[in-house]
Amino acid sequence: AVYALHGTLAQALNRGLGDWRDKTIVSLPPDSVQRVEVTHGRQAFVLVRAGKTWKLDSGAPADSMAVPRLLTEFHPTMAMGFASPPVADSATFTRPTARVRLFGAGTVPLVDLRFDSTATNVLVRADTGSTVYLMENWSLSQLAPAEKTLKASTPKVE
């Protein structure tokens, strides 16, 4: 690989190994996603594209602004860094804190992300690799939101 250095040589040489690595966890164009499965703790729901709109598995319509906002979170999803080997080894991905699966037209997920939260960070691993990424705690609610944040609001009748 060839790298271009911008700035002083001293700045470049002071960067750690993690600073040089690609921190892209996933990058899926929103139009490629047809189905989203979210599990967060004991809560689970599914979003399904129905033409130009989205519906929850309960049949309720999804919020037309919230779903595109969710899908853009995955185009791309960037980590803030990488878990150290001891932290990665302590992560529990067999019983994750949350899990998000994005599907295209087929039955095989385009991506399957598993999350484990710690006191200071969220650990993320895609099913396609062994790399364990670090993300800020607040990112978990954006990538694996509560179902109520995606439901279309119903106008009040008076």
N, C-alpha and C. Protein backbone atom coordinates (compact mmCIF):
# COMPACT_ATOMS: atom_id res chain seq x y z
N ALA A 1 0.85 -1.18 0.00
CA ALA A 1 0.00 0.00 0.00
C ALA A 1 0.89 1.24 0.00
N VAL A 2 0.38 2.29 -0.58
CA VAL A 2 1.08 3.56 -0.64
C VAL A 2 0.24 4.59 0.11
N TYR A 3 0.86 5.35 0.99
CA TYR A 3 0.17 6.36 1.77
C TYR A 3 0.73 7.73 1.44
N ALA A 4 -0.11 8.73 1.36
CA ALA A 4 0.33 10.11 1.16
C ALA A 4 0.29 10.79 2.52
N LEU A 5 1.34 11.50 2.85
CA LEU A 5 1.42 12.21 4.11
C LEU A 5 1.12 13.68 3.90
N HIS A 6 0.21 14.21 4.69
CA HIS A 6 -0.11 15.63 4.66
C HIS A 6 0.29 16.20 6.02
N GLY A 7 1.02 17.28 6.03
CA GLY A 7 1.52 17.85 7.28
C GLY A 7 2.98 17.50 7.44
N THR A 8 3.45 17.63 8.65
CA THR A 8 4.87 17.36 8.88
C THR A 8 5.11 15.87 9.07
N LEU A 9 6.32 15.45 8.80
CA LEU A 9 6.70 14.06 8.98
C LEU A 9 6.57 13.66 10.45
N ALA A 10 6.88 14.55 11.35
CA ALA A 10 6.79 14.26 12.78
C ALA A 10 5.36 13.93 13.18
N GLN A 11 4.40 14.67 12.63
CA GLN A 11 2.99 14.38 12.94
C GLN A 11 2.61 12.98 12.46
N ALA A 12 3.04 12.64 11.27
CA ALA A 12 2.70 11.34 10.71
C ALA A 12 3.34 10.21 11.49
N LEU A 13 4.57 10.40 11.92
CA LEU A 13 5.28 9.34 12.65
C LEU A 13 4.75 9.16 14.06
N ASN A 14 4.06 10.15 14.60
CA ASN A 14 3.52 10.05 15.95
C ASN A 14 2.14 9.39 15.98
N ARG A 15 1.61 9.05 14.84
CA ARG A 15 0.30 8.39 14.80
C ARG A 15 0.45 6.93 15.19
N GLY A 16 -0.55 6.44 15.92
CA GLY A 16 -0.56 5.04 16.31
C GLY A 16 -1.05 4.15 15.19
N LEU A 17 -0.89 2.86 15.34
CA LEU A 17 -1.31 1.91 14.33
C LEU A 17 -2.80 2.03 14.04
N GLY A 18 -3.61 2.22 15.08
CA GLY A 18 -5.05 2.35 14.90
C GLY A 18 -5.44 3.57 14.10
N ASP A 19 -4.60 4.60 14.12
CA ASP A 19 -4.89 5.81 13.35
C ASP A 19 -4.78 5.58 11.85
N TRP A 20 -4.01 4.58 11.45
CA TRP A 20 -3.81 4.30 10.03
C TRP A 20 -4.85 3.33 9.48
N ARG A 21 -5.49 2.59 10.37
CA ARG A 21 -6.45 1.57 9.93
C ARG A 21 -7.77 2.19 9.50
N ASP A 22 -8.43 1.52 8.58
CA ASP A 22 -9.75 1.94 8.11
C ASP A 22 -10.77 1.67 9.21
N LYS A 23 -11.49 2.68 9.63
CA LYS A 23 -12.46 2.56 10.71
C LYS A 23 -13.89 2.38 10.20
N THR A 24 -14.04 2.06 8.92
CA THR A 24 -15.36 1.84 8.36
C THR A 24 -15.86 0.46 8.79
N ILE A 25 -16.97 0.44 9.51
CA ILE A 25 -17.56 -0.83 9.94
C ILE A 25 -18.42 -1.38 8.81
N VAL A 26 -19.26 -0.52 8.24
CA VAL A 26 -20.13 -0.92 7.14
C VAL A 26 -20.49 0.32 6.35
N SER A 27 -20.74 0.15 5.07
CA SER A 27 -21.22 1.24 4.22
C SER A 27 -22.20 0.66 3.21
N LEU A 28 -23.48 0.84 3.51
CA LEU A 28 -24.54 0.33 2.63
C LEU A 28 -25.37 1.49 2.12
N PRO A 29 -25.55 1.61 0.81
CA PRO A 29 -26.45 2.64 0.30
C PRO A 29 -27.86 2.40 0.84
N PRO A 30 -28.52 3.43 1.34
CA PRO A 30 -29.87 3.25 1.91
C PRO A 30 -30.85 2.56 0.97
N ASP A 31 -30.75 2.80 -0.32
CA ASP A 31 -31.68 2.19 -1.28
C ASP A 31 -31.49 0.68 -1.40
N SER A 32 -30.36 0.15 -0.96
CA SER A 32 -30.11 -1.28 -1.07
C SER A 32 -30.78 -2.07 0.06
N VAL A 33 -31.24 -1.39 1.09
CA VAL A 33 -31.82 -2.06 2.25
C VAL A 33 -33.33 -2.21 2.06
N GLN A 34 -33.81 -3.44 2.24
CA GLN A 34 -35.23 -3.74 2.09
C GLN A 34 -35.88 -4.15 3.41
N ARG A 35 -35.04 -4.54 4.36
CA ARG A 35 -35.55 -5.05 5.65
C ARG A 35 -34.52 -4.77 6.73
N VAL A 36 -34.97 -4.37 7.90
CA VAL A 36 -34.09 -4.10 9.04
C VAL A 36 -34.64 -4.86 10.24
N GLU A 37 -33.79 -5.67 10.87
CA GLU A 37 -34.17 -6.37 12.09
C GLU A 37 -33.34 -5.80 13.23
N VAL A 38 -34.01 -5.35 14.29
CA VAL A 38 -33.33 -4.76 15.43
C VAL A 38 -33.72 -5.52 16.69
N THR A 39 -32.71 -5.93 17.44
CA THR A 39 -32.92 -6.53 18.75
C THR A 39 -32.09 -5.71 19.73
N HIS A 40 -32.75 -5.23 20.77
CA HIS A 40 -32.06 -4.43 21.78
C HIS A 40 -32.58 -4.91 23.13
N GLY A 41 -31.74 -5.67 23.83
CA GLY A 41 -32.21 -6.29 25.07
C GLY A 41 -33.30 -7.28 24.76
N ARG A 42 -34.45 -7.13 25.43
CA ARG A 42 -35.58 -8.05 25.20
C ARG A 42 -36.54 -7.53 24.13
N GLN A 43 -36.29 -6.35 23.63
CA GLN A 43 -37.14 -5.76 22.60
C GLN A 43 -36.62 -6.14 21.21
N ALA A 44 -37.53 -6.48 20.32
CA ALA A 44 -37.15 -6.81 18.95
C ALA A 44 -38.26 -6.34 18.01
N PHE A 45 -37.86 -5.85 16.86
CA PHE A 45 -38.83 -5.45 15.84
C PHE A 45 -38.18 -5.53 14.48
N VAL A 46 -39.04 -5.47 13.46
CA VAL A 46 -38.59 -5.56 12.07
C VAL A 46 -39.22 -4.41 11.30
N LEU A 47 -38.42 -3.77 10.46
CA LEU A 47 -38.90 -2.77 9.51
C LEU A 47 -38.83 -3.39 8.12
N VAL A 48 -39.89 -3.21 7.34
CA VAL A 48 -39.92 -3.77 5.99
C VAL A 48 -40.31 -2.68 5.01
N ARG A 49 -39.54 -2.60 3.93
CA ARG A 49 -39.86 -1.63 2.87
C ARG A 49 -41.09 -2.12 2.11
N ALA A 50 -42.04 -1.21 1.93
CA ALA A 50 -43.26 -1.51 1.17
C ALA A 50 -43.36 -0.46 0.08
N GLY A 51 -42.67 -0.70 -1.03
CA GLY A 51 -42.62 0.31 -2.10
C GLY A 51 -41.73 1.46 -1.67
N LYS A 52 -42.32 2.65 -1.56
CA LYS A 52 -41.56 3.82 -1.13
C LYS A 52 -41.72 4.12 0.35
N THR A 53 -42.53 3.31 1.03
CA THR A 53 -42.76 3.51 2.46
C THR A 53 -42.21 2.34 3.25
N TRP A 54 -42.24 2.47 4.56
CA TRP A 54 -41.76 1.42 5.45
C TRP A 54 -42.86 1.09 6.45
N LYS A 55 -42.91 -0.19 6.85
CA LYS A 55 -43.87 -0.63 7.86
C LYS A 55 -43.12 -1.44 8.92
N LEU A 56 -43.64 -1.37 10.13
CA LEU A 56 -43.13 -2.22 11.20
C LEU A 56 -43.80 -3.58 11.09
N ASP A 57 -43.18 -4.59 11.68
CA ASP A 57 -43.76 -5.94 11.58
C ASP A 57 -45.13 -6.02 12.24
N SER A 58 -45.46 -5.06 13.10
CA SER A 58 -46.79 -5.02 13.71
C SER A 58 -47.85 -4.56 12.71
N GLY A 59 -47.39 -4.07 11.53
CA GLY A 59 -48.30 -3.54 10.53
C GLY A 59 -48.42 -2.03 10.59
N ALA A 60 -47.92 -1.44 11.66
CA ALA A 60 -47.99 0.01 11.81
C ALA A 60 -47.05 0.69 10.83
N PRO A 61 -47.45 1.84 10.30
CA PRO A 61 -46.55 2.55 9.39
C PRO A 61 -45.36 3.13 10.16
N ALA A 62 -44.22 3.16 9.49
CA ALA A 62 -43.02 3.72 10.10
C ALA A 62 -42.93 5.20 9.76
N ASP A 63 -42.25 5.95 10.59
CA ASP A 63 -42.05 7.39 10.40
C ASP A 63 -41.23 7.62 9.14
N SER A 64 -41.77 8.41 8.21
CA SER A 64 -41.12 8.62 6.91
C SER A 64 -39.83 9.43 7.01
N MET A 65 -39.58 10.07 8.13
CA MET A 65 -38.33 10.81 8.33
C MET A 65 -37.33 9.99 9.15
N ALA A 66 -37.82 9.23 10.10
CA ALA A 66 -36.94 8.48 10.99
C ALA A 66 -36.25 7.31 10.30
N VAL A 67 -36.95 6.61 9.42
CA VAL A 67 -36.34 5.45 8.76
C VAL A 67 -35.18 5.86 7.84
N PRO A 68 -35.35 6.86 6.97
CA PRO A 68 -34.19 7.28 6.17
C PRO A 68 -33.01 7.76 7.03
N ARG A 69 -33.32 8.40 8.15
CA ARG A 69 -32.27 8.85 9.06
C ARG A 69 -31.52 7.64 9.62
N LEU A 70 -32.26 6.58 9.97
CA LEU A 70 -31.63 5.35 10.46
C LEU A 70 -30.76 4.73 9.37
N LEU A 71 -31.29 4.62 8.17
CA LEU A 71 -30.53 3.98 7.09
C LEU A 71 -29.26 4.73 6.73
N THR A 72 -29.27 6.06 6.83
CA THR A 72 -28.05 6.82 6.53
C THR A 72 -26.98 6.61 7.59
N GLU A 73 -27.37 6.12 8.77
CA GLU A 73 -26.37 5.79 9.80
C GLU A 73 -25.45 4.66 9.34
N PHE A 74 -25.91 3.88 8.38
CA PHE A 74 -25.13 2.74 7.88
C PHE A 74 -24.43 3.04 6.56
N HIS A 75 -24.35 4.32 6.21
CA HIS A 75 -23.71 4.72 4.94
C HIS A 75 -22.84 5.95 5.14
N PRO A 76 -21.69 5.84 5.69
CA PRO A 76 -21.09 4.67 6.34
C PRO A 76 -21.27 4.74 7.86
N THR A 77 -20.97 3.63 8.51
CA THR A 77 -20.87 3.56 9.97
C THR A 77 -19.38 3.53 10.28
N MET A 78 -18.95 4.54 11.01
CA MET A 78 -17.52 4.67 11.32
C MET A 78 -17.27 4.43 12.81
N ALA A 79 -16.20 3.73 13.11
CA ALA A 79 -15.78 3.50 14.49
C ALA A 79 -14.86 4.63 14.94
N MET A 80 -14.75 4.81 16.24
CA MET A 80 -13.78 5.78 16.74
C MET A 80 -12.42 5.14 16.95
N GLY A 81 -12.40 3.81 16.95
CA GLY A 81 -11.14 3.10 17.11
C GLY A 81 -11.38 1.60 17.17
N PHE A 82 -10.41 0.89 17.71
CA PHE A 82 -10.44 -0.56 17.75
C PHE A 82 -10.23 -1.03 19.18
N ALA A 83 -10.91 -2.10 19.54
CA ALA A 83 -10.77 -2.65 20.88
C ALA A 83 -9.41 -3.32 21.02
N SER A 84 -8.81 -3.15 22.19
CA SER A 84 -7.55 -3.84 22.47
C SER A 84 -7.86 -5.33 22.59
N PRO A 85 -6.86 -6.19 22.42
CA PRO A 85 -7.13 -7.63 22.52
C PRO A 85 -7.82 -8.06 23.82
N PRO A 86 -7.42 -7.55 25.00
CA PRO A 86 -8.13 -7.97 26.22
C PRO A 86 -9.60 -7.52 26.23
N VAL A 87 -9.86 -6.31 25.74
CA VAL A 87 -11.24 -5.82 25.69
C VAL A 87 -12.05 -6.61 24.68
N ALA A 88 -11.48 -6.86 23.53
CA ALA A 88 -12.17 -7.65 22.50
C ALA A 88 -12.48 -9.05 23.01
N ASP A 89 -11.55 -9.65 23.74
CA ASP A 89 -11.77 -11.00 24.27
C ASP A 89 -12.87 -11.03 25.33
N SER A 90 -13.08 -9.92 26.02
CA SER A 90 -14.11 -9.88 27.07
C SER A 90 -15.50 -9.58 26.52
N ALA A 91 -15.58 -9.21 25.26
CA ALA A 91 -16.87 -8.86 24.66
C ALA A 91 -17.76 -10.10 24.53
N THR A 92 -19.05 -9.87 24.70
CA THR A 92 -20.03 -10.95 24.62
C THR A 92 -20.86 -10.77 23.37
N PHE A 93 -20.46 -11.39 22.29
CA PHE A 93 -21.21 -11.26 21.04
C PHE A 93 -22.15 -12.44 20.81
N THR A 94 -22.04 -13.50 21.62
CA THR A 94 -22.99 -14.60 21.50
C THR A 94 -24.33 -14.21 22.11
N ARG A 95 -24.32 -13.34 23.11
CA ARG A 95 -25.53 -12.77 23.71
C ARG A 95 -25.34 -11.25 23.75
N PRO A 96 -25.44 -10.62 22.58
CA PRO A 96 -25.11 -9.19 22.50
C PRO A 96 -26.13 -8.30 23.19
N THR A 97 -25.68 -7.10 23.55
CA THR A 97 -26.57 -6.08 24.09
C THR A 97 -27.61 -5.71 23.05
N ALA A 98 -27.17 -5.62 21.80
CA ALA A 98 -28.07 -5.29 20.68
C ALA A 98 -27.54 -5.97 19.43
N ARG A 99 -28.45 -6.10 18.46
CA ARG A 99 -28.08 -6.69 17.19
C ARG A 99 -28.90 -6.02 16.09
N VAL A 100 -28.26 -5.69 14.98
CA VAL A 100 -28.95 -5.10 13.84
C VAL A 100 -28.57 -5.89 12.60
N ARG A 101 -29.59 -6.32 11.88
CA ARG A 101 -29.37 -7.05 10.63
C ARG A 101 -30.06 -6.29 9.52
N LEU A 102 -29.32 -6.00 8.47
CA LEU A 102 -29.85 -5.29 7.31
C LEU A 102 -29.87 -6.25 6.13
N PHE A 103 -31.02 -6.30 5.45
CA PHE A 103 -31.21 -7.23 4.34
C PHE A 103 -31.48 -6.46 3.06
N GLY A 104 -31.05 -7.03 1.95
CA GLY A 104 -31.43 -6.54 0.64
C GLY A 104 -32.67 -7.32 0.22
N ALA A 105 -32.74 -7.68 -1.05
CA ALA A 105 -33.90 -8.41 -1.55
C ALA A 105 -33.89 -9.88 -1.13
N GLY A 106 -32.74 -10.42 -0.78
CA GLY A 106 -32.63 -11.84 -0.44
C GLY A 106 -32.84 -12.13 1.03
N THR A 107 -32.60 -13.39 1.39
CA THR A 107 -32.79 -13.81 2.77
C THR A 107 -31.49 -13.80 3.58
N VAL A 108 -30.37 -13.58 2.92
CA VAL A 108 -29.09 -13.50 3.60
C VAL A 108 -28.83 -12.04 3.94
N PRO A 109 -28.49 -11.74 5.20
CA PRO A 109 -28.26 -10.34 5.55
C PRO A 109 -27.07 -9.73 4.79
N LEU A 110 -27.24 -8.46 4.44
CA LEU A 110 -26.12 -7.71 3.86
C LEU A 110 -25.08 -7.46 4.94
N VAL A 111 -25.55 -7.23 6.15
CA VAL A 111 -24.67 -7.06 7.30
C VAL A 111 -25.42 -7.47 8.56
N ASP A 112 -24.66 -8.01 9.50
CA ASP A 112 -25.19 -8.44 10.79
C ASP A 112 -24.25 -7.85 11.84
N LEU A 113 -24.69 -6.80 12.51
CA LEU A 113 -23.86 -6.13 13.51
C LEU A 113 -24.29 -6.56 14.91
N ARG A 114 -23.32 -6.87 15.73
CA ARG A 114 -23.57 -7.24 17.13
C ARG A 114 -22.86 -6.24 18.03
N PHE A 115 -23.56 -5.81 19.06
CA PHE A 115 -23.06 -4.77 19.95
C PHE A 115 -22.96 -5.30 21.38
N ASP A 116 -21.90 -4.92 22.05
CA ASP A 116 -21.74 -5.19 23.48
C ASP A 116 -21.35 -3.87 24.11
N SER A 117 -22.03 -3.48 25.16
CA SER A 117 -21.72 -2.18 25.77
C SER A 117 -20.90 -2.37 27.04
N THR A 118 -20.00 -1.42 27.26
CA THR A 118 -19.21 -1.36 28.47
C THR A 118 -19.56 -0.05 29.17
N ALA A 119 -18.93 0.22 30.28
CA ALA A 119 -19.21 1.46 31.00
C ALA A 119 -18.80 2.69 30.19
N THR A 120 -17.82 2.55 29.32
CA THR A 120 -17.30 3.72 28.62
C THR A 120 -17.53 3.71 27.11
N ASN A 121 -17.72 2.55 26.51
CA ASN A 121 -17.85 2.45 25.05
C ASN A 121 -18.81 1.36 24.65
N VAL A 122 -19.08 1.33 23.36
CA VAL A 122 -19.82 0.23 22.75
C VAL A 122 -18.84 -0.52 21.86
N LEU A 123 -18.86 -1.83 21.97
CA LEU A 123 -18.04 -2.67 21.12
C LEU A 123 -18.93 -3.21 20.01
N VAL A 124 -18.42 -3.21 18.79
CA VAL A 124 -19.21 -3.64 17.64
C VAL A 124 -18.39 -4.62 16.81
N ARG A 125 -19.07 -5.66 16.37
CA ARG A 125 -18.42 -6.61 15.45
C ARG A 125 -19.42 -6.99 14.38
N ALA A 126 -18.98 -6.95 13.15
CA ALA A 126 -19.80 -7.42 12.03
C ALA A 126 -19.58 -8.91 11.89
N ASP A 127 -20.59 -9.61 11.41
CA ASP A 127 -20.47 -11.06 11.23
C ASP A 127 -19.44 -11.43 10.17
N THR A 128 -19.04 -10.45 9.38
CA THR A 128 -18.11 -10.73 8.28
C THR A 128 -16.65 -10.70 8.70
N GLY A 129 -16.37 -10.40 9.95
CA GLY A 129 -14.97 -10.32 10.35
C GLY A 129 -14.78 -10.50 11.83
N SER A 130 -13.52 -10.52 12.23
CA SER A 130 -13.19 -10.69 13.64
C SER A 130 -12.80 -9.38 14.31
N THR A 131 -12.75 -8.29 13.55
CA THR A 131 -12.36 -7.00 14.11
C THR A 131 -13.44 -6.50 15.06
N VAL A 132 -13.01 -6.07 16.24
CA VAL A 132 -13.93 -5.49 17.22
C VAL A 132 -13.64 -3.99 17.26
N TYR A 133 -14.66 -3.22 16.93
CA TYR A 133 -14.56 -1.77 16.85
C TYR A 133 -15.07 -1.12 18.13
N LEU A 134 -14.57 0.08 18.40
CA LEU A 134 -15.06 0.90 19.50
C LEU A 134 -15.92 2.02 18.95
N MET A 135 -17.04 2.26 19.63
CA MET A 135 -17.90 3.38 19.28
C MET A 135 -18.31 4.08 20.58
N GLU A 136 -18.75 5.32 20.44
CA GLU A 136 -19.26 6.07 21.58
C GLU A 136 -20.55 5.42 22.06
N ASN A 137 -20.84 5.53 23.37
CA ASN A 137 -22.07 4.94 23.92
C ASN A 137 -23.33 5.45 23.24
N TRP A 138 -23.38 6.73 22.91
CA TRP A 138 -24.58 7.31 22.32
C TRP A 138 -24.89 6.73 20.95
N SER A 139 -23.91 6.16 20.28
CA SER A 139 -24.14 5.63 18.93
C SER A 139 -25.04 4.40 18.93
N LEU A 140 -25.10 3.69 20.05
CA LEU A 140 -25.94 2.49 20.10
C LEU A 140 -27.41 2.83 19.87
N SER A 141 -27.89 3.92 20.46
CA SER A 141 -29.30 4.29 20.29
C SER A 141 -29.59 4.79 18.87
N GLN A 142 -28.57 5.20 18.15
CA GLN A 142 -28.78 5.62 16.77
C GLN A 142 -28.77 4.44 15.80
N LEU A 143 -27.95 3.44 16.08
CA LEU A 143 -27.84 2.28 15.20
C LEU A 143 -28.84 1.19 15.53
N ALA A 144 -29.23 1.10 16.79
CA ALA A 144 -30.22 0.11 17.24
C ALA A 144 -31.28 0.85 18.05
N PRO A 145 -32.10 1.65 17.39
CA PRO A 145 -33.05 2.50 18.10
C PRO A 145 -34.22 1.72 18.69
N ALA A 146 -34.91 2.36 19.61
CA ALA A 146 -36.14 1.79 20.15
C ALA A 146 -37.23 1.85 19.08
N GLU A 147 -38.11 0.87 19.07
CA GLU A 147 -39.17 0.81 18.07
C GLU A 147 -40.02 2.07 18.08
N LYS A 148 -40.30 2.61 19.25
CA LYS A 148 -41.18 3.78 19.34
C LYS A 148 -40.62 5.00 18.60
N THR A 149 -39.30 5.06 18.44
CA THR A 149 -38.71 6.19 17.73
C THR A 149 -38.90 6.11 16.22
N LEU A 150 -39.35 4.94 15.74
CA LEU A 150 -39.54 4.73 14.30
C LEU A 150 -41.00 4.66 13.89
N LYS A 151 -41.91 4.67 14.88
CA LYS A 151 -43.34 4.61 14.56
C LYS A 151 -43.81 5.98 14.07
N ALA A 152 -44.68 5.94 13.07
CA ALA A 152 -45.29 7.17 12.58
C ALA A 152 -46.23 7.69 13.66
N SER A 153 -46.20 8.98 13.87
CA SER A 153 -47.11 9.57 14.86
C SER A 153 -48.50 9.67 14.25
N THR A 154 -49.47 9.45 15.07
CA THR A 154 -50.86 9.57 14.60
C THR A 154 -51.40 10.92 15.05
N PRO A 155 -52.04 11.62 14.15
CA PRO A 155 -52.58 12.94 14.52
C PRO A 155 -53.68 12.79 15.56
N LYS A 156 -53.71 13.73 16.49
CA LYS A 156 -54.74 13.72 17.52
C LYS A 156 -56.04 14.25 16.95
N VAL A 157 -57.11 13.54 17.26
CA VAL A 157 -58.43 13.94 16.81
C VAL A 157 -59.13 14.61 17.98
N GLU A 158 -59.64 15.80 17.73
CA GLU A 158 -60.33 16.52 18.81
C GLU A 158 -61.77 16.68 18.51
